[in-house]
C-alpha atoms as a PDB file:
ATOM      1  CA  GLY A   1     -45.726 -44.553  22.455  1.00  0.00           C
ATOM      2  CA  GLN A   2     -48.824 -42.655  21.621  1.00  0.00           C
ATOM      3  CA  GLY A   3     -46.929 -40.057  19.561  1.00  0.00           C
ATOM      4  CA  TYR A   4     -46.176 -42.698  16.963  1.00  0.00           C
ATOM      5  CA  MET A   5     -49.845 -43.349  16.517  1.00  0.00           C
ATOM      6  CA  PHE A   6     -50.768 -39.655  16.149  1.00  0.00           C
ATOM      7  CA  GLY A   7     -48.762 -38.606  13.103  1.00  0.00           C
ATOM      8  CA  ARG A   8     -45.203 -38.779  14.405  1.00  0.00           C
ATOM      9  CA  PRO A   9     -43.131 -40.477  11.709  1.00  0.00           C
ATOM     10  CA  LEU A  10     -40.931 -42.362  14.156  1.00  0.00           C
ATOM     11  CA  LYS A  11     -41.463 -44.222  17.369  1.00  0.00           C
ATOM     12  CA  THR A  12     -40.851 -42.130  20.473  1.00  0.00           C
ATOM     13  CA  ARG A  13     -37.423 -43.604  21.244  1.00  0.00           C
ATOM     14  CA  GLU A  14     -36.214 -43.235  17.663  1.00  0.00           C
ATOM     15  CA  HIS A  15     -37.667 -39.722  17.500  1.00  0.00           C
ATOM     16  CA  VAL A  16     -35.756 -38.702  20.654  1.00  0.00           C
ATOM     17  CA  MET A  17     -32.534 -40.130  19.198  1.00  0.00           C
ATOM     18  CA  VAL A  18     -33.019 -38.257  15.924  1.00  0.00           C
ATOM     19  CA  VAL A  19     -33.797 -34.993  17.756  1.00  0.00           C
ATOM     20  CA  GLN A  20     -30.710 -35.455  19.955  1.00  0.00           C
ATOM     21  CA  LEU A  21     -28.576 -36.140  16.866  1.00  0.00           C
ATOM     22  CA  ILE A  22     -29.910 -33.025  15.125  1.00  0.00           C
ATOM     23  CA  ARG A  23     -29.297 -30.936  18.242  1.00  0.00           C
ATOM     24  CA  ARG A  24     -25.745 -32.289  18.545  1.00  0.00           C
ATOM     25  CA  VAL A  25     -25.046 -31.485  14.890  1.00  0.00           C
ATOM     26  CA  LEU A  26     -26.502 -27.992  15.296  1.00  0.00           C
ATOM     27  CA  ILE A  27     -24.488 -27.392  18.469  1.00  0.00           C
ATOM     28  CA  LYS A  28     -21.320 -28.688  16.799  1.00  0.00           C
ATOM     29  CA  ASN A  29     -21.910 -26.429  13.798  1.00  0.00           C
ATOM     30  CA  ALA A  30     -22.609 -23.461  16.059  1.00  0.00           C
ATOM     31  CA  LYS A  31     -19.408 -24.141  18.020  1.00  0.00           C
ATOM     32  CA  ALA A  32     -17.441 -24.410  14.771  1.00  0.00           C
ATOM     33  CA  ARG A  33     -18.998 -21.149  13.558  1.00  0.00           C
ATOM     34  CA  LEU A  34     -18.103 -19.452  16.840  1.00  0.00           C
ATOM     35  CA  MET A  35     -14.536 -20.734  16.631  1.00  0.00           C
ATOM     36  CA  ARG A  36     -14.194 -19.458  13.052  1.00  0.00           C
ATOM     37  CA  TRP A  37     -15.621 -16.084  14.130  1.00  0.00           C
ATOM     38  CA  ARG A  38     -13.237 -15.975  17.104  1.00  0.00           C
ATOM     39  CA  LYS A  39     -10.214 -16.793  14.896  1.00  0.00           C
ATOM     40  CA  ARG A  40     -11.333 -14.178  12.360  1.00  0.00           C
ATOM     41  CA  SER A  41     -11.787 -11.516  15.037  1.00  0.00           C
ATOM     42  CA  ILE A  42      -8.356 -12.330  16.516  1.00  0.00           C
ATOM     43  CA  TRP A  43      -6.847 -12.074  13.018  1.00  0.00           C
ATOM     44  CA  CYS A  44      -8.585  -8.717  12.456  1.00  0.00           C
ATOM     45  CA  LEU A  45      -7.314  -7.389  15.786  1.00  0.00           C
ATOM     46  CA  ASP A  46      -3.832  -8.604  14.892  1.00  0.00           C
ATOM     47  CA  GLN A  47      -4.030  -6.732  11.581  1.00  0.00           C
ATOM     48  CA  VAL A  48      -5.101  -3.567  13.404  1.00  0.00           C
ATOM     49  CA  MET A  49      -2.204  -3.937  15.845  1.00  0.00           C
ATOM     50  CA  LYS A  50       0.254  -4.485  12.965  1.00  0.00           C
ATOM     51  CA  GLY A  51      -1.076  -1.365  11.257  1.00  0.00           C
ATOM     52  CA  GLN A  52      -0.720   0.658  14.451  1.00  0.00           C
ATOM     53  CA  ARG A  53       2.844  -0.570  14.970  1.00  0.00           C
ATOM     54  CA  LYS A  54       3.711   0.330  11.375  1.00  0.00           C
ATOM     55  CA  LEU A  55       2.159   3.772  11.847  1.00  0.00           C
ATOM     56  CA  VAL A  56       4.234   4.322  14.995  1.00  0.00           C
ATOM     57  CA  GLU A  57       7.394   3.250  13.123  1.00  0.00           C
ATOM     58  CA  VAL A  58       6.627   5.665  10.280  1.00  0.00           C
ATOM     59  CA  ALA A  59       5.908   8.476  12.741  1.00  0.00           C
ATOM     60  CA  GLN A  60       9.180   7.832  14.583  1.00  0.00           C
ATOM     61  CA  LYS A  61      11.094   7.751  11.294  1.00  0.00           C
ATOM     62  CA  LEU A  62       9.519  11.057  10.244  1.00  0.00           C
ATOM     63  CA  LYS A  63      10.368  12.543  13.627  1.00  0.00           C
ATOM     64  CA  ARG A  64      14.005  11.450  13.272  1.00  0.00           C
ATOM     65  CA  GLU A  65      14.153  12.824   9.724  1.00  0.00           C
ATOM     66  CA  ARG A  66      12.629  16.142  10.811  1.00  0.00           C
ATOM     67  CA  LEU A  67      15.110  16.368  13.687  1.00  0.00           C
ATOM     68  CA  PHE A  68      18.006  15.645  11.313  1.00  0.00           C
ATOM     69  CA  LEU A  69      16.679  18.204   8.816  1.00  0.00           C
ATOM     70  CA  SER A  70      16.336  20.846  11.513  1.00  0.00           C
ATOM     71  CA  LEU A  71      19.942  20.209  12.633  1.00  0.00           C
ATOM     72  CA  VAL A  72      21.198  20.448   9.036  1.00  0.00           C
ATOM     73  CA  MET A  73      19.238  23.682   8.500  1.00  0.00           C
ATOM     74  CA  TRP A  74      20.575  25.102  11.759  1.00  0.00           C
ATOM     75  CA  TYR A  75      24.143  24.288  10.703  1.00  0.00           C
ATOM     76  CA  ARG A  76      23.664  25.854   7.258  1.00  0.00           C
ATOM     77  CA  ILE A  77      21.993  28.990   8.632  1.00  0.00           C
ATOM     78  CA  SER A  78      24.793  29.497  11.141  1.00  0.00           C
ATOM     79  CA  LYS A  79      27.389  29.148   8.357  1.00  0.00           C
ATOM     80  CA  VAL A  80      25.511  31.657   6.167  1.00  0.00           C
ATOM     81  CA  ARG A  81      25.228  34.155   9.025  1.00  0.00           C
ATOM     82  CA  LYS A  82      28.977  33.902   9.656  1.00  0.00           C
ATOM     83  CA  CYS A  83      29.636  34.479   5.945  1.00  0.00           C
ATOM     84  CA  ILE A  84      27.317  37.498   5.922  1.00  0.00           C
ATOM     85  CA  ALA A  85      29.038  38.911   8.993  1.00  0.00           C
ATOM     86  CA  LYS A  86      32.476  38.470   7.346  1.00  0.00           C
ATOM     87  CA  LEU A  87      31.124  39.773   3.976  1.00  0.00           C
ATOM     88  CA  GLU A  88      32.062  36.508   2.249  1.00  0.00           C
ATOM     89  CA  PRO A  89      30.002  34.776  -0.471  1.00  0.00           C
ATOM     90  CA  MET A  90      27.396  32.231   0.607  1.00  0.00           C
ATOM     91  CA  PRO A  91      28.810  28.662   0.471  1.00  0.00           C
ATOM     92  CA  ASP A  92      27.239  25.892  -1.599  1.00  0.00           C
ATOM     93  CA  PHE A  93      26.048  22.991   0.506  1.00  0.00           C
ATOM     94  CA  GLU A  94      25.673  19.366  -0.459  1.00  0.00           C
ATOM     95  CA  PRO A  95      23.285  17.581  -0.618  1.00  0.00           C
ATOM     96  CA  HIS A  96      20.787  19.906  -2.238  1.00  0.00           C
ATOM     97  CA  LEU A  97      17.644  20.348  -0.123  1.00  0.00           C
ATOM     98  CA  ARG A  98      14.420  21.931  -1.397  1.00  0.00           C
ATOM     99  CA  VAL A  99      13.754  23.404   2.038  1.00  0.00           C
ATOM    100  CA  TRP A 100      17.157  25.042   2.007  1.00  0.00           C
ATOM    101  CA  ALA A 101      16.671  26.413  -1.505  1.00  0.00           C
ATOM    102  CA  SER A 102      13.325  27.968  -0.562  1.00  0.00           C
ATOM    103  CA  TRP A 103      14.845  29.467   2.615  1.00  0.00           C
ATOM    104  CA  VAL A 104      17.717  31.000   0.598  1.00  0.00           C
ATOM    105  CA  ARG A 105      15.273  32.456  -1.971  1.00  0.00           C
ATOM    106  CA  SER A 106      13.101  33.981   0.725  1.00  0.00           C
ATOM    107  CA  HIS A 107      16.102  35.520   2.540  1.00  0.00           C
ATOM    108  CA  GLU A 108      17.884  36.784  -0.596  1.00  0.00           C
ATOM    109  CA  ASN A 109      14.945  39.093  -1.248  1.00  0.00           C
ATOM    110  CA  LYS A 110      15.251  40.737   2.167  1.00  0.00           C
END
């Protein structure tokens, strides 16, 4: 064709084939890049979901521990009140809890 005569390095048919090959390679690379991006974004979302699940587990564990601690404190306070009412000495509880020790210190001063 005329394009070959006016500075085009290849004949028209060969030029079209080369352009099509380049386009196919570029499209294939773009598809591969998109697939890698998609896999990476799915992985990132999965990591976020794992983190959220772990956070929920930790929150539930803390809630259970706080509930257990409040029940233990309630039991100990009721025992102490009974001892005070009967004028008996305050019992020693096991295991030792810092919260309990601070509560006893604050109420011994009253």
